[in-house]
Amino acid sequence: MTAQDPQLPSQPTQPPIELPTPDTRLPTPSSRQPLPPWRLWIPLLVQVVLIIAVPARDAYTYVAGRSITLQTAPVDPYDILRGYYQTLSYDVSNVETLRSLPGGDWFNQYQEQPLSFYVVLEPPAQANATPPQPWTPVRISGDRPTDLTPNQVAMQGQYDGWSITYGLETYYMPESRREEINADINQVQWEEREAFVVDVKVDRGGNAVPISLWVRDRNYRF
């Protein structure tokens, strides 16, 4: 008898593996649309406007504002990071002084957020003195006054519950004259505080910019 090769059991046939079909609906890097130009230049334009807005407002106030004079006394004459400057503190920066004026109870409503207010000032009786005489605060208003007399000016301030600022607090000294100015200021603040005043311009909106500093009869332009 012829030996028969044993038959191996048949193996089940495996179905072919199917790879997933790529989803052609997903955008490929080459098919993405570029951002429209306005998405890039509009944010840049907004930043430029914000940078220019404050100097432009100050320039308008400088040209169109009304001149007044404020009584002041200097403190902190040197900052190592910024160089020589004077930090100015005004009579109208004193909260208790303003509380005593008509409308001064406005300060009692302060809660947590800084608030804007207006101080109304009138000129001195002696208009052409040298140095000029400071204007006098006569009342306080939480809103911009619309009933000012021809000789009155309303200047806007900010109150944070502790201090009052007008954007007039820092005067940077010219490099070439800093020693001269410092010597004048240091002497005046001890001997004749009333001779140390600042000329300011205030526009119709109450915004103010410093123009010049008076130390006795000497005038230093900002």
N, C-alpha and C. Protein backbone atom coordinates (compact mmCIF):
# COMPACT_ATOMS: atom_id res chain seq x y z
N MET A 1 0.85 -1.19 0.00
CA MET A 1 0.00 0.00 0.00
C MET A 1 0.88 1.24 0.00
N THR A 2 0.38 2.17 -0.72
CA THR A 2 1.15 3.42 -0.79
C THR A 2 0.76 4.30 0.37
N ALA A 3 1.80 4.79 1.02
CA ALA A 3 1.49 5.64 2.19
C ALA A 3 0.88 6.95 1.73
N GLN A 4 -0.25 7.29 2.33
CA GLN A 4 -0.94 8.56 2.00
C GLN A 4 -0.44 9.67 2.94
N ASP A 5 -0.13 10.83 2.34
CA ASP A 5 0.22 12.00 3.19
C ASP A 5 -1.01 12.46 3.95
N PRO A 6 -0.82 12.63 5.21
CA PRO A 6 -2.01 13.07 5.97
C PRO A 6 -2.42 14.47 5.51
N GLN A 7 -3.75 14.64 5.38
CA GLN A 7 -4.28 15.97 4.94
C GLN A 7 -4.37 16.91 6.13
N LEU A 8 -3.77 18.08 5.94
CA LEU A 8 -3.84 19.11 6.97
C LEU A 8 -5.20 19.78 6.95
N PRO A 9 -5.70 20.12 8.09
CA PRO A 9 -7.02 20.78 8.09
C PRO A 9 -6.94 22.11 7.38
N SER A 10 -7.98 22.46 6.67
CA SER A 10 -8.01 23.72 5.90
C SER A 10 -8.12 24.91 6.86
N GLN A 11 -7.37 25.99 6.57
CA GLN A 11 -7.39 27.20 7.38
C GLN A 11 -8.47 28.15 6.87
N PRO A 12 -9.19 28.77 7.80
CA PRO A 12 -10.23 29.71 7.33
C PRO A 12 -9.58 30.91 6.62
N THR A 13 -10.22 31.34 5.61
CA THR A 13 -9.72 32.48 4.83
C THR A 13 -10.00 33.78 5.57
N GLN A 14 -8.94 34.63 5.82
CA GLN A 14 -9.08 35.92 6.50
C GLN A 14 -9.50 37.00 5.50
N PRO A 15 -10.50 37.79 5.87
CA PRO A 15 -10.89 38.87 4.95
C PRO A 15 -9.80 39.93 4.89
N PRO A 16 -9.64 40.60 3.79
CA PRO A 16 -8.61 41.64 3.68
C PRO A 16 -8.89 42.79 4.65
N ILE A 17 -7.81 43.36 5.22
CA ILE A 17 -7.94 44.49 6.14
C ILE A 17 -8.19 45.75 5.33
N GLU A 18 -9.24 46.45 5.70
CA GLU A 18 -9.59 47.69 5.00
C GLU A 18 -9.11 48.89 5.81
N LEU A 19 -8.30 49.72 5.23
CA LEU A 19 -7.84 50.93 5.87
C LEU A 19 -8.92 52.00 5.78
N PRO A 20 -9.03 52.82 6.85
CA PRO A 20 -10.06 53.86 6.80
C PRO A 20 -9.79 54.87 5.70
N THR A 21 -10.85 55.24 5.08
CA THR A 21 -10.74 56.23 4.00
C THR A 21 -10.53 57.61 4.59
N PRO A 22 -9.51 58.35 4.18
CA PRO A 22 -9.28 59.71 4.71
C PRO A 22 -10.50 60.60 4.51
N ASP A 23 -10.78 61.39 5.55
CA ASP A 23 -11.90 62.32 5.46
C ASP A 23 -11.44 63.55 4.69
N THR A 24 -11.86 63.60 3.46
CA THR A 24 -11.42 64.69 2.59
C THR A 24 -12.05 66.02 2.96
N ARG A 25 -13.02 65.97 3.92
CA ARG A 25 -13.66 67.21 4.30
C ARG A 25 -12.79 68.04 5.24
N LEU A 26 -11.82 67.41 5.95
CA LEU A 26 -10.94 68.14 6.84
C LEU A 26 -9.95 68.97 6.03
N PRO A 27 -9.76 70.24 6.40
CA PRO A 27 -8.84 71.08 5.62
C PRO A 27 -7.39 70.66 5.83
N THR A 28 -6.67 70.61 4.79
CA THR A 28 -5.25 70.35 4.86
C THR A 28 -4.53 71.70 4.97
N PRO A 29 -3.27 71.68 5.44
CA PRO A 29 -2.56 72.96 5.56
C PRO A 29 -2.56 73.78 4.29
N SER A 30 -2.51 73.09 3.16
CA SER A 30 -2.45 73.83 1.90
C SER A 30 -3.79 74.39 1.49
N SER A 31 -4.90 73.83 2.10
CA SER A 31 -6.22 74.27 1.68
C SER A 31 -6.82 75.32 2.60
N ARG A 32 -6.13 75.65 3.74
CA ARG A 32 -6.66 76.65 4.65
C ARG A 32 -6.57 78.03 4.03
N GLN A 33 -7.63 78.83 4.28
CA GLN A 33 -7.67 80.16 3.73
C GLN A 33 -6.84 81.12 4.60
N PRO A 34 -6.06 82.02 4.05
CA PRO A 34 -5.30 82.99 4.86
C PRO A 34 -6.25 83.95 5.56
N LEU A 35 -5.80 84.46 6.71
CA LEU A 35 -6.61 85.43 7.45
C LEU A 35 -6.78 86.70 6.61
N PRO A 36 -7.98 87.27 6.65
CA PRO A 36 -8.15 88.54 5.93
C PRO A 36 -7.28 89.62 6.54
N PRO A 37 -6.78 90.53 5.75
CA PRO A 37 -5.85 91.55 6.26
C PRO A 37 -6.42 92.36 7.42
N TRP A 38 -7.75 92.62 7.40
CA TRP A 38 -8.30 93.46 8.45
C TRP A 38 -8.18 92.83 9.82
N ARG A 39 -8.07 91.49 9.90
CA ARG A 39 -7.90 90.83 11.19
C ARG A 39 -6.55 91.16 11.82
N LEU A 40 -5.62 91.63 11.02
CA LEU A 40 -4.29 91.96 11.52
C LEU A 40 -4.14 93.45 11.80
N TRP A 41 -4.67 94.29 10.89
CA TRP A 41 -4.40 95.72 11.05
C TRP A 41 -5.37 96.43 11.97
N ILE A 42 -6.55 95.88 12.20
CA ILE A 42 -7.49 96.54 13.11
C ILE A 42 -6.96 96.54 14.55
N PRO A 43 -6.49 95.39 15.12
CA PRO A 43 -5.91 95.46 16.48
C PRO A 43 -4.73 96.41 16.56
N LEU A 44 -3.90 96.44 15.50
CA LEU A 44 -2.76 97.36 15.50
C LEU A 44 -3.23 98.80 15.50
N LEU A 45 -4.27 99.09 14.71
CA LEU A 45 -4.81 100.44 14.65
C LEU A 45 -5.37 100.88 16.00
N VAL A 46 -6.04 99.96 16.70
CA VAL A 46 -6.59 100.28 18.02
C VAL A 46 -5.48 100.65 18.98
N GLN A 47 -4.37 99.88 18.97
CA GLN A 47 -3.24 100.18 19.85
C GLN A 47 -2.65 101.55 19.54
N VAL A 48 -2.51 101.87 18.25
CA VAL A 48 -1.95 103.17 17.86
C VAL A 48 -2.84 104.31 18.34
N VAL A 49 -4.15 104.14 18.19
CA VAL A 49 -5.09 105.18 18.63
C VAL A 49 -4.98 105.41 20.13
N LEU A 50 -4.87 104.31 20.90
CA LEU A 50 -4.76 104.45 22.35
C LEU A 50 -3.48 105.17 22.75
N ILE A 51 -2.38 104.89 22.02
CA ILE A 51 -1.10 105.52 22.32
C ILE A 51 -1.15 107.02 22.00
N ILE A 52 -1.83 107.38 20.90
CA ILE A 52 -1.85 108.76 20.45
C ILE A 52 -2.88 109.59 21.20
N ALA A 53 -3.94 108.94 21.72
CA ALA A 53 -5.08 109.67 22.28
C ALA A 53 -4.69 110.63 23.39
N VAL A 54 -3.90 110.14 24.36
CA VAL A 54 -3.55 111.00 25.51
C VAL A 54 -2.68 112.18 25.09
N PRO A 55 -1.58 111.97 24.32
CA PRO A 55 -0.82 113.15 23.88
C PRO A 55 -1.65 114.13 23.06
N ALA A 56 -2.57 113.61 22.23
CA ALA A 56 -3.41 114.49 21.42
C ALA A 56 -4.33 115.31 22.31
N ARG A 57 -4.88 114.69 23.35
CA ARG A 57 -5.74 115.42 24.28
C ARG A 57 -4.96 116.50 25.01
N ASP A 58 -3.73 116.15 25.44
CA ASP A 58 -2.89 117.13 26.12
C ASP A 58 -2.54 118.29 25.20
N ALA A 59 -2.28 117.98 23.92
CA ALA A 59 -1.95 119.04 22.97
C ALA A 59 -3.15 119.98 22.78
N TYR A 60 -4.35 119.41 22.72
CA TYR A 60 -5.55 120.25 22.59
C TYR A 60 -5.71 121.13 23.82
N THR A 61 -5.53 120.53 25.02
CA THR A 61 -5.67 121.30 26.25
C THR A 61 -4.63 122.41 26.30
N TYR A 62 -3.42 122.12 25.87
CA TYR A 62 -2.34 123.12 25.87
C TYR A 62 -2.70 124.31 24.98
N VAL A 63 -3.33 124.03 23.83
CA VAL A 63 -3.65 125.10 22.87
C VAL A 63 -4.95 125.81 23.25
N ALA A 64 -5.98 125.04 23.58
CA ALA A 64 -7.31 125.62 23.76
C ALA A 64 -7.69 125.86 25.22
N GLY A 65 -6.89 125.35 26.17
CA GLY A 65 -7.26 125.47 27.57
C GLY A 65 -7.11 126.88 28.12
N ARG A 66 -7.73 127.08 29.26
CA ARG A 66 -7.67 128.36 29.95
C ARG A 66 -6.59 128.30 31.01
N SER A 67 -5.81 129.36 31.14
CA SER A 67 -4.69 129.38 32.08
C SER A 67 -5.17 129.68 33.49
N ILE A 68 -4.71 128.87 34.45
CA ILE A 68 -4.94 129.12 35.87
C ILE A 68 -3.63 128.86 36.60
N THR A 69 -3.59 129.19 37.87
CA THR A 69 -2.40 128.96 38.69
C THR A 69 -2.80 128.22 39.95
N LEU A 70 -2.01 127.21 40.33
CA LEU A 70 -2.30 126.40 41.51
C LEU A 70 -1.17 126.52 42.52
N GLN A 71 -1.55 126.59 43.79
CA GLN A 71 -0.57 126.59 44.87
C GLN A 71 -0.06 125.17 45.09
N THR A 72 1.24 125.01 45.26
CA THR A 72 1.81 123.68 45.39
C THR A 72 3.04 123.68 46.28
N ALA A 73 3.40 122.49 46.73
CA ALA A 73 4.63 122.29 47.49
C ALA A 73 5.25 120.99 47.01
N PRO A 74 6.59 120.92 46.85
CA PRO A 74 7.23 119.73 46.29
C PRO A 74 7.58 118.69 47.35
N VAL A 75 7.64 117.45 46.90
CA VAL A 75 8.15 116.36 47.73
C VAL A 75 8.91 115.39 46.83
N ASP A 76 9.69 114.49 47.45
CA ASP A 76 10.41 113.44 46.72
C ASP A 76 11.18 113.96 45.52
N PRO A 77 12.30 114.68 45.71
CA PRO A 77 12.98 115.30 44.58
C PRO A 77 13.81 114.37 43.72
N TYR A 78 13.99 113.12 44.09
CA TYR A 78 14.86 112.27 43.27
C TYR A 78 14.34 110.84 43.19
N ASP A 79 14.34 110.31 42.01
CA ASP A 79 13.98 108.92 41.77
C ASP A 79 15.10 108.32 40.93
N ILE A 80 15.80 107.31 41.46
CA ILE A 80 17.00 106.79 40.79
C ILE A 80 16.68 106.15 39.44
N LEU A 81 15.44 105.72 39.24
CA LEU A 81 15.08 105.08 37.98
C LEU A 81 14.71 106.09 36.90
N ARG A 82 14.20 107.25 37.30
CA ARG A 82 13.69 108.20 36.33
C ARG A 82 14.53 109.46 36.22
N GLY A 83 15.44 109.65 37.12
CA GLY A 83 16.22 110.87 37.10
C GLY A 83 15.57 111.94 37.96
N TYR A 84 16.07 113.15 37.85
CA TYR A 84 15.57 114.23 38.69
C TYR A 84 14.16 114.65 38.26
N TYR A 85 13.30 114.80 39.25
CA TYR A 85 11.96 115.29 39.00
C TYR A 85 11.39 115.79 40.32
N GLN A 86 10.28 116.51 40.22
CA GLN A 86 9.57 116.94 41.41
C GLN A 86 8.17 116.33 41.38
N THR A 87 7.76 115.74 42.51
CA THR A 87 6.39 115.30 42.67
C THR A 87 5.64 116.40 43.38
N LEU A 88 4.62 116.94 42.74
CA LEU A 88 3.94 118.13 43.22
C LEU A 88 2.66 117.77 43.95
N SER A 89 2.45 118.40 45.08
CA SER A 89 1.24 118.22 45.87
C SER A 89 0.55 119.57 46.00
N TYR A 90 -0.71 119.65 45.56
CA TYR A 90 -1.42 120.92 45.49
C TYR A 90 -2.34 121.12 46.69
N ASP A 91 -2.68 122.38 46.94
CA ASP A 91 -3.69 122.66 47.96
C ASP A 91 -5.00 121.96 47.64
N VAL A 92 -5.36 121.91 46.36
CA VAL A 92 -6.62 121.27 45.96
C VAL A 92 -6.51 119.75 45.93
N SER A 93 -5.35 119.21 46.36
CA SER A 93 -5.18 117.76 46.51
C SER A 93 -5.48 117.30 47.93
N ASN A 94 -5.78 118.23 48.81
CA ASN A 94 -6.06 117.91 50.20
C ASN A 94 -7.54 117.58 50.36
N VAL A 95 -7.84 116.34 50.72
CA VAL A 95 -9.23 115.89 50.82
C VAL A 95 -10.00 116.70 51.85
N GLU A 96 -9.40 116.95 53.00
CA GLU A 96 -10.11 117.67 54.06
C GLU A 96 -10.41 119.10 53.64
N THR A 97 -9.51 119.71 52.88
CA THR A 97 -9.78 121.07 52.38
C THR A 97 -10.99 121.06 51.48
N LEU A 98 -11.08 120.08 50.59
CA LEU A 98 -12.20 120.03 49.65
C LEU A 98 -13.51 119.62 50.33
N ARG A 99 -13.43 118.81 51.37
CA ARG A 99 -14.64 118.43 52.11
C ARG A 99 -15.34 119.65 52.71
N SER A 100 -14.56 120.67 53.04
CA SER A 100 -15.12 121.85 53.68
C SER A 100 -15.83 122.78 52.70
N LEU A 101 -15.70 122.52 51.39
CA LEU A 101 -16.31 123.39 50.38
C LEU A 101 -17.76 122.99 50.13
N PRO A 102 -18.58 123.89 49.58
CA PRO A 102 -19.92 123.49 49.13
C PRO A 102 -19.83 122.31 48.15
N GLY A 103 -20.62 121.27 48.41
CA GLY A 103 -20.57 120.06 47.59
C GLY A 103 -19.53 119.07 48.06
N GLY A 104 -18.79 119.42 49.12
CA GLY A 104 -17.71 118.55 49.60
C GLY A 104 -18.16 117.23 50.16
N ASP A 105 -19.47 117.12 50.49
CA ASP A 105 -19.97 115.84 50.99
C ASP A 105 -19.99 114.78 49.90
N TRP A 106 -19.67 115.17 48.65
CA TRP A 106 -19.55 114.19 47.57
C TRP A 106 -18.54 113.12 47.94
N PHE A 107 -17.49 113.46 48.67
CA PHE A 107 -16.44 112.51 49.01
C PHE A 107 -16.93 111.41 49.95
N ASN A 108 -18.06 111.62 50.59
CA ASN A 108 -18.59 110.61 51.52
C ASN A 108 -19.18 109.40 50.79
N GLN A 109 -19.43 109.53 49.48
CA GLN A 109 -20.06 108.43 48.75
C GLN A 109 -19.05 107.42 48.21
N TYR A 110 -17.74 107.67 48.41
CA TYR A 110 -16.74 106.76 47.88
C TYR A 110 -16.92 105.36 48.45
N GLN A 111 -16.80 104.33 47.57
CA GLN A 111 -16.92 102.94 48.00
C GLN A 111 -15.61 102.20 47.73
N GLU A 112 -15.43 101.68 46.50
CA GLU A 112 -14.22 100.92 46.23
C GLU A 112 -13.52 101.35 44.94
N GLN A 113 -14.27 101.87 43.96
CA GLN A 113 -13.69 102.23 42.69
C GLN A 113 -13.30 103.70 42.66
N PRO A 114 -12.18 104.06 42.01
CA PRO A 114 -11.83 105.48 41.87
C PRO A 114 -12.95 106.24 41.19
N LEU A 115 -13.19 107.45 41.64
CA LEU A 115 -14.28 108.27 41.13
C LEU A 115 -13.75 109.60 40.62
N SER A 116 -14.40 110.10 39.57
CA SER A 116 -14.06 111.41 39.02
C SER A 116 -14.95 112.48 39.65
N PHE A 117 -14.39 113.65 39.83
CA PHE A 117 -15.15 114.78 40.33
C PHE A 117 -14.57 116.05 39.71
N TYR A 118 -15.20 117.19 40.01
CA TYR A 118 -14.72 118.47 39.49
C TYR A 118 -14.60 119.46 40.64
N VAL A 119 -13.49 120.18 40.65
CA VAL A 119 -13.33 121.27 41.60
C VAL A 119 -13.43 122.58 40.81
N VAL A 120 -14.30 123.47 41.26
CA VAL A 120 -14.52 124.75 40.60
C VAL A 120 -13.61 125.78 41.25
N LEU A 121 -12.85 126.50 40.42
CA LEU A 121 -11.88 127.48 40.92
C LEU A 121 -12.19 128.87 40.38
N GLU A 122 -11.83 129.89 41.17
CA GLU A 122 -11.98 131.28 40.77
C GLU A 122 -10.64 131.99 40.85
N PRO A 123 -10.42 133.00 40.00
CA PRO A 123 -9.12 133.70 39.97
C PRO A 123 -8.94 134.59 41.19
N PRO A 124 -7.69 134.96 41.50
CA PRO A 124 -7.43 135.87 42.62
C PRO A 124 -7.81 137.30 42.26
N ALA A 125 -7.90 138.11 43.28
CA ALA A 125 -8.23 139.52 43.04
C ALA A 125 -7.10 140.23 42.30
N GLN A 126 -5.86 139.87 42.62
CA GLN A 126 -4.70 140.47 41.96
C GLN A 126 -4.30 139.59 40.78
N ALA A 127 -4.66 140.02 39.58
CA ALA A 127 -4.54 139.16 38.41
C ALA A 127 -3.16 139.15 37.77
N ASN A 128 -2.40 140.22 37.87
CA ASN A 128 -1.15 140.34 37.11
C ASN A 128 0.09 140.37 38.00
N ALA A 129 0.05 139.69 39.12
CA ALA A 129 1.21 139.67 40.01
C ALA A 129 2.30 138.75 39.48
N THR A 130 3.51 138.95 39.95
CA THR A 130 4.65 138.09 39.62
C THR A 130 5.35 137.68 40.91
N PRO A 131 5.36 136.38 41.22
CA PRO A 131 4.72 135.29 40.50
C PRO A 131 3.20 135.40 40.59
N PRO A 132 2.47 134.72 39.68
CA PRO A 132 1.01 134.81 39.71
C PRO A 132 0.43 134.23 40.99
N GLN A 133 -0.69 134.77 41.41
CA GLN A 133 -1.36 134.30 42.61
C GLN A 133 -2.23 133.08 42.29
N PRO A 134 -2.32 132.12 43.21
CA PRO A 134 -3.10 130.90 42.93
C PRO A 134 -4.60 131.16 42.90
N TRP A 135 -5.29 130.34 42.11
CA TRP A 135 -6.75 130.38 42.06
C TRP A 135 -7.31 129.70 43.31
N THR A 136 -8.53 130.05 43.66
CA THR A 136 -9.15 129.56 44.89
C THR A 136 -10.25 128.55 44.57
N PRO A 137 -10.24 127.37 45.20
CA PRO A 137 -11.35 126.42 45.01
C PRO A 137 -12.59 126.92 45.76
N VAL A 138 -13.76 126.85 45.11
CA VAL A 138 -14.98 127.40 45.72
C VAL A 138 -16.09 126.36 45.90
N ARG A 139 -16.07 125.27 45.14
CA ARG A 139 -17.08 124.23 45.33
C ARG A 139 -16.66 122.95 44.62
N ILE A 140 -17.38 121.86 44.96
CA ILE A 140 -17.11 120.54 44.39
C ILE A 140 -18.37 120.05 43.67
N SER A 141 -18.16 119.32 42.58
CA SER A 141 -19.29 118.74 41.84
C SER A 141 -18.93 117.34 41.37
N GLY A 142 -19.85 116.39 41.53
CA GLY A 142 -19.61 115.05 41.02
C GLY A 142 -19.75 114.96 39.51
N ASP A 143 -20.51 115.88 38.91
CA ASP A 143 -20.69 115.95 37.46
C ASP A 143 -20.04 117.23 36.93
N ARG A 144 -19.72 117.22 35.64
CA ARG A 144 -19.11 118.42 35.05
C ARG A 144 -20.10 119.58 35.12
N PRO A 145 -19.72 120.67 35.79
CA PRO A 145 -20.66 121.79 35.96
C PRO A 145 -21.00 122.46 34.63
N THR A 146 -22.25 122.84 34.50
CA THR A 146 -22.69 123.57 33.30
C THR A 146 -23.14 124.98 33.65
N ASP A 147 -22.99 125.37 34.91
CA ASP A 147 -23.46 126.69 35.36
C ASP A 147 -22.30 127.57 35.81
N LEU A 148 -21.14 127.41 35.20
CA LEU A 148 -19.99 128.21 35.59
C LEU A 148 -20.17 129.67 35.19
N THR A 149 -19.69 130.55 36.05
CA THR A 149 -19.66 131.97 35.68
C THR A 149 -18.47 132.21 34.76
N PRO A 150 -18.41 133.34 34.05
CA PRO A 150 -17.31 133.58 33.11
C PRO A 150 -15.92 133.52 33.74
N ASN A 151 -15.81 133.78 35.02
CA ASN A 151 -14.48 133.79 35.65
C ASN A 151 -14.14 132.47 36.34
N GLN A 152 -14.96 131.44 36.19
CA GLN A 152 -14.72 130.16 36.86
C GLN A 152 -14.21 129.10 35.89
N VAL A 153 -13.48 128.14 36.44
CA VAL A 153 -12.96 126.99 35.70
C VAL A 153 -13.24 125.74 36.53
N ALA A 154 -13.65 124.66 35.85
CA ALA A 154 -13.86 123.37 36.53
C ALA A 154 -12.76 122.40 36.10
N MET A 155 -11.99 121.92 37.05
CA MET A 155 -10.88 121.00 36.78
C MET A 155 -11.22 119.61 37.30
N GLN A 156 -11.03 118.60 36.45
CA GLN A 156 -11.39 117.23 36.82
C GLN A 156 -10.30 116.58 37.66
N GLY A 157 -10.71 115.88 38.71
CA GLY A 157 -9.79 115.13 39.56
C GLY A 157 -10.25 113.70 39.73
N GLN A 158 -9.38 112.87 40.28
CA GLN A 158 -9.68 111.48 40.58
C GLN A 158 -9.47 111.23 42.06
N TYR A 159 -10.45 110.57 42.69
CA TYR A 159 -10.36 110.26 44.11
C TYR A 159 -10.42 108.75 44.30
N ASP A 160 -9.42 108.18 44.99
CA ASP A 160 -9.36 106.72 45.17
C ASP A 160 -9.64 106.30 46.61
N GLY A 161 -10.23 107.19 47.38
CA GLY A 161 -10.51 106.87 48.77
C GLY A 161 -9.40 107.29 49.71
N TRP A 162 -8.25 107.64 49.15
CA TRP A 162 -7.11 108.03 49.97
C TRP A 162 -6.49 109.33 49.48
N SER A 163 -6.29 109.44 48.19
CA SER A 163 -5.62 110.62 47.64
C SER A 163 -6.38 111.16 46.44
N ILE A 164 -6.04 112.39 46.06
CA ILE A 164 -6.64 113.08 44.92
C ILE A 164 -5.54 113.39 43.92
N THR A 165 -5.79 113.12 42.65
CA THR A 165 -4.83 113.42 41.60
C THR A 165 -5.54 114.14 40.45
N TYR A 166 -4.75 114.94 39.72
CA TYR A 166 -5.28 115.70 38.58
C TYR A 166 -4.46 115.45 37.31
N GLY A 167 -3.46 114.56 37.37
CA GLY A 167 -2.56 114.38 36.24
C GLY A 167 -1.53 115.47 36.15
N LEU A 168 -1.32 116.22 37.24
CA LEU A 168 -0.39 117.34 37.28
C LEU A 168 0.70 117.13 38.32
N GLU A 169 0.86 115.90 38.76
CA GLU A 169 1.65 115.67 39.97
C GLU A 169 3.16 115.53 39.75
N THR A 170 3.60 115.32 38.52
CA THR A 170 5.03 115.08 38.29
C THR A 170 5.60 116.09 37.29
N TYR A 171 6.68 116.72 37.68
CA TYR A 171 7.39 117.66 36.81
C TYR A 171 8.82 117.17 36.64
N TYR A 172 9.21 116.85 35.39
CA TYR A 172 10.57 116.39 35.11
C TYR A 172 11.46 117.58 34.79
N MET A 173 12.57 117.63 35.47
CA MET A 173 13.46 118.78 35.34
C MET A 173 14.33 118.69 34.10
N PRO A 174 14.57 119.81 33.42
CA PRO A 174 15.55 119.81 32.33
C PRO A 174 16.92 119.41 32.87
N GLU A 175 17.59 118.54 32.18
CA GLU A 175 18.88 118.03 32.63
C GLU A 175 19.87 119.16 32.88
N SER A 176 19.85 120.16 32.02
CA SER A 176 20.84 121.24 32.10
C SER A 176 20.58 122.19 33.27
N ARG A 177 19.37 122.15 33.87
CA ARG A 177 19.02 123.12 34.90
C ARG A 177 18.60 122.46 36.20
N ARG A 178 18.79 121.16 36.33
CA ARG A 178 18.23 120.46 37.48
C ARG A 178 18.84 120.94 38.80
N GLU A 179 20.15 121.21 38.82
CA GLU A 179 20.77 121.65 40.06
C GLU A 179 20.26 123.03 40.46
N GLU A 180 20.12 123.92 39.48
CA GLU A 180 19.61 125.27 39.75
C GLU A 180 18.18 125.21 40.27
N ILE A 181 17.33 124.41 39.61
CA ILE A 181 15.93 124.32 40.02
C ILE A 181 15.81 123.69 41.40
N ASN A 182 16.58 122.63 41.62
CA ASN A 182 16.53 121.96 42.92
C ASN A 182 16.93 122.92 44.04
N ALA A 183 17.97 123.71 43.81
CA ALA A 183 18.42 124.65 44.84
C ALA A 183 17.33 125.68 45.14
N ASP A 184 16.68 126.20 44.09
CA ASP A 184 15.59 127.16 44.28
C ASP A 184 14.44 126.53 45.07
N ILE A 185 14.05 125.33 44.66
CA ILE A 185 12.92 124.66 45.30
C ILE A 185 13.20 124.35 46.75
N ASN A 186 14.39 123.84 47.03
CA ASN A 186 14.72 123.46 48.40
C ASN A 186 14.71 124.67 49.34
N GLN A 187 15.11 125.81 48.81
CA GLN A 187 15.10 127.01 49.64
C GLN A 187 13.69 127.54 49.83
N VAL A 188 12.92 127.58 48.76
CA VAL A 188 11.57 128.15 48.81
C VAL A 188 10.65 127.32 49.68
N GLN A 189 10.75 125.99 49.61
CA GLN A 189 9.79 125.19 50.35
C GLN A 189 9.95 125.34 51.87
N TRP A 190 11.10 125.82 52.31
CA TRP A 190 11.31 126.06 53.73
C TRP A 190 11.03 127.51 54.12
N GLU A 191 11.21 128.43 53.19
CA GLU A 191 11.11 129.85 53.54
C GLU A 191 9.84 130.52 53.05
N GLU A 192 9.46 130.28 51.78
CA GLU A 192 8.33 130.99 51.18
C GLU A 192 7.48 130.02 50.37
N ARG A 193 6.71 129.23 51.04
CA ARG A 193 5.91 128.23 50.33
C ARG A 193 4.96 128.88 49.33
N GLU A 194 4.43 130.08 49.67
CA GLU A 194 3.47 130.72 48.79
C GLU A 194 4.06 131.13 47.44
N ALA A 195 5.40 131.23 47.36
CA ALA A 195 6.04 131.64 46.12
C ALA A 195 6.25 130.49 45.15
N PHE A 196 5.86 129.30 45.56
CA PHE A 196 6.06 128.11 44.72
C PHE A 196 4.71 127.72 44.13
N VAL A 197 4.48 128.07 42.85
CA VAL A 197 3.19 127.82 42.20
C VAL A 197 3.42 127.25 40.80
N VAL A 198 2.34 126.70 40.24
CA VAL A 198 2.41 126.09 38.91
C VAL A 198 1.32 126.68 38.03
N ASP A 199 1.69 127.09 36.82
CA ASP A 199 0.71 127.50 35.82
C ASP A 199 0.17 126.26 35.11
N VAL A 200 -1.13 126.22 34.93
CA VAL A 200 -1.82 125.06 34.37
C VAL A 200 -2.81 125.56 33.32
N LYS A 201 -3.09 124.74 32.32
CA LYS A 201 -4.18 125.01 31.39
C LYS A 201 -5.26 123.95 31.55
N VAL A 202 -6.51 124.40 31.57
CA VAL A 202 -7.66 123.51 31.76
C VAL A 202 -8.61 123.70 30.58
N ASP A 203 -9.00 122.60 29.92
CA ASP A 203 -9.93 122.72 28.79
C ASP A 203 -11.37 122.61 29.26
N ARG A 204 -12.31 122.67 28.31
CA ARG A 204 -13.73 122.66 28.64
C ARG A 204 -14.17 121.36 29.30
N GLY A 205 -13.44 120.27 29.04
CA GLY A 205 -13.79 118.99 29.64
C GLY A 205 -13.23 118.82 31.04
N GLY A 206 -12.45 119.77 31.50
CA GLY A 206 -11.85 119.67 32.83
C GLY A 206 -10.47 119.05 32.84
N ASN A 207 -9.95 118.65 31.66
CA ASN A 207 -8.61 118.08 31.59
C ASN A 207 -7.57 119.18 31.79
N ALA A 208 -6.49 118.85 32.48
CA ALA A 208 -5.48 119.85 32.81
C ALA A 208 -4.09 119.37 32.43
N VAL A 209 -3.23 120.31 32.01
CA VAL A 209 -1.82 120.03 31.73
C VAL A 209 -0.98 121.12 32.36
N PRO A 210 0.18 120.76 32.95
CA PRO A 210 1.07 121.78 33.52
C PRO A 210 1.80 122.53 32.43
N ILE A 211 2.00 123.83 32.64
CA ILE A 211 2.66 124.68 31.66
C ILE A 211 4.02 125.14 32.15
N SER A 212 4.07 125.65 33.37
CA SER A 212 5.34 126.16 33.88
C SER A 212 5.33 126.16 35.41
N LEU A 213 6.52 126.20 35.96
CA LEU A 213 6.74 126.21 37.40
C LEU A 213 7.34 127.55 37.81
N TRP A 214 6.75 128.17 38.83
CA TRP A 214 7.26 129.43 39.36
C TRP A 214 7.96 129.18 40.69
N VAL A 215 9.19 129.66 40.82
CA VAL A 215 9.91 129.65 42.08
C VAL A 215 10.28 131.10 42.35
N ARG A 216 9.53 131.73 43.24
CA ARG A 216 9.58 133.18 43.43
C ARG A 216 9.26 133.85 42.09
N ASP A 217 10.19 134.69 41.57
CA ASP A 217 9.93 135.38 40.32
C ASP A 217 10.58 134.69 39.12
N ARG A 218 11.11 133.48 39.33
CA ARG A 218 11.73 132.74 38.24
C ARG A 218 10.77 131.70 37.70
N ASN A 219 10.67 131.66 36.37
CA ASN A 219 9.70 130.79 35.71
C ASN A 219 10.43 129.71 34.90
N TYR A 220 10.08 128.45 35.15
CA TYR A 220 10.68 127.32 34.42
C TYR A 220 9.58 126.63 33.61
N ARG A 221 9.74 126.69 32.28
CA ARG A 221 8.74 126.09 31.39
C ARG A 221 8.84 124.58 31.43
N PHE A 222 7.70 123.92 31.34
CA PHE A 222 7.67 122.45 31.31
C PHE A 222 7.99 121.98 29.90
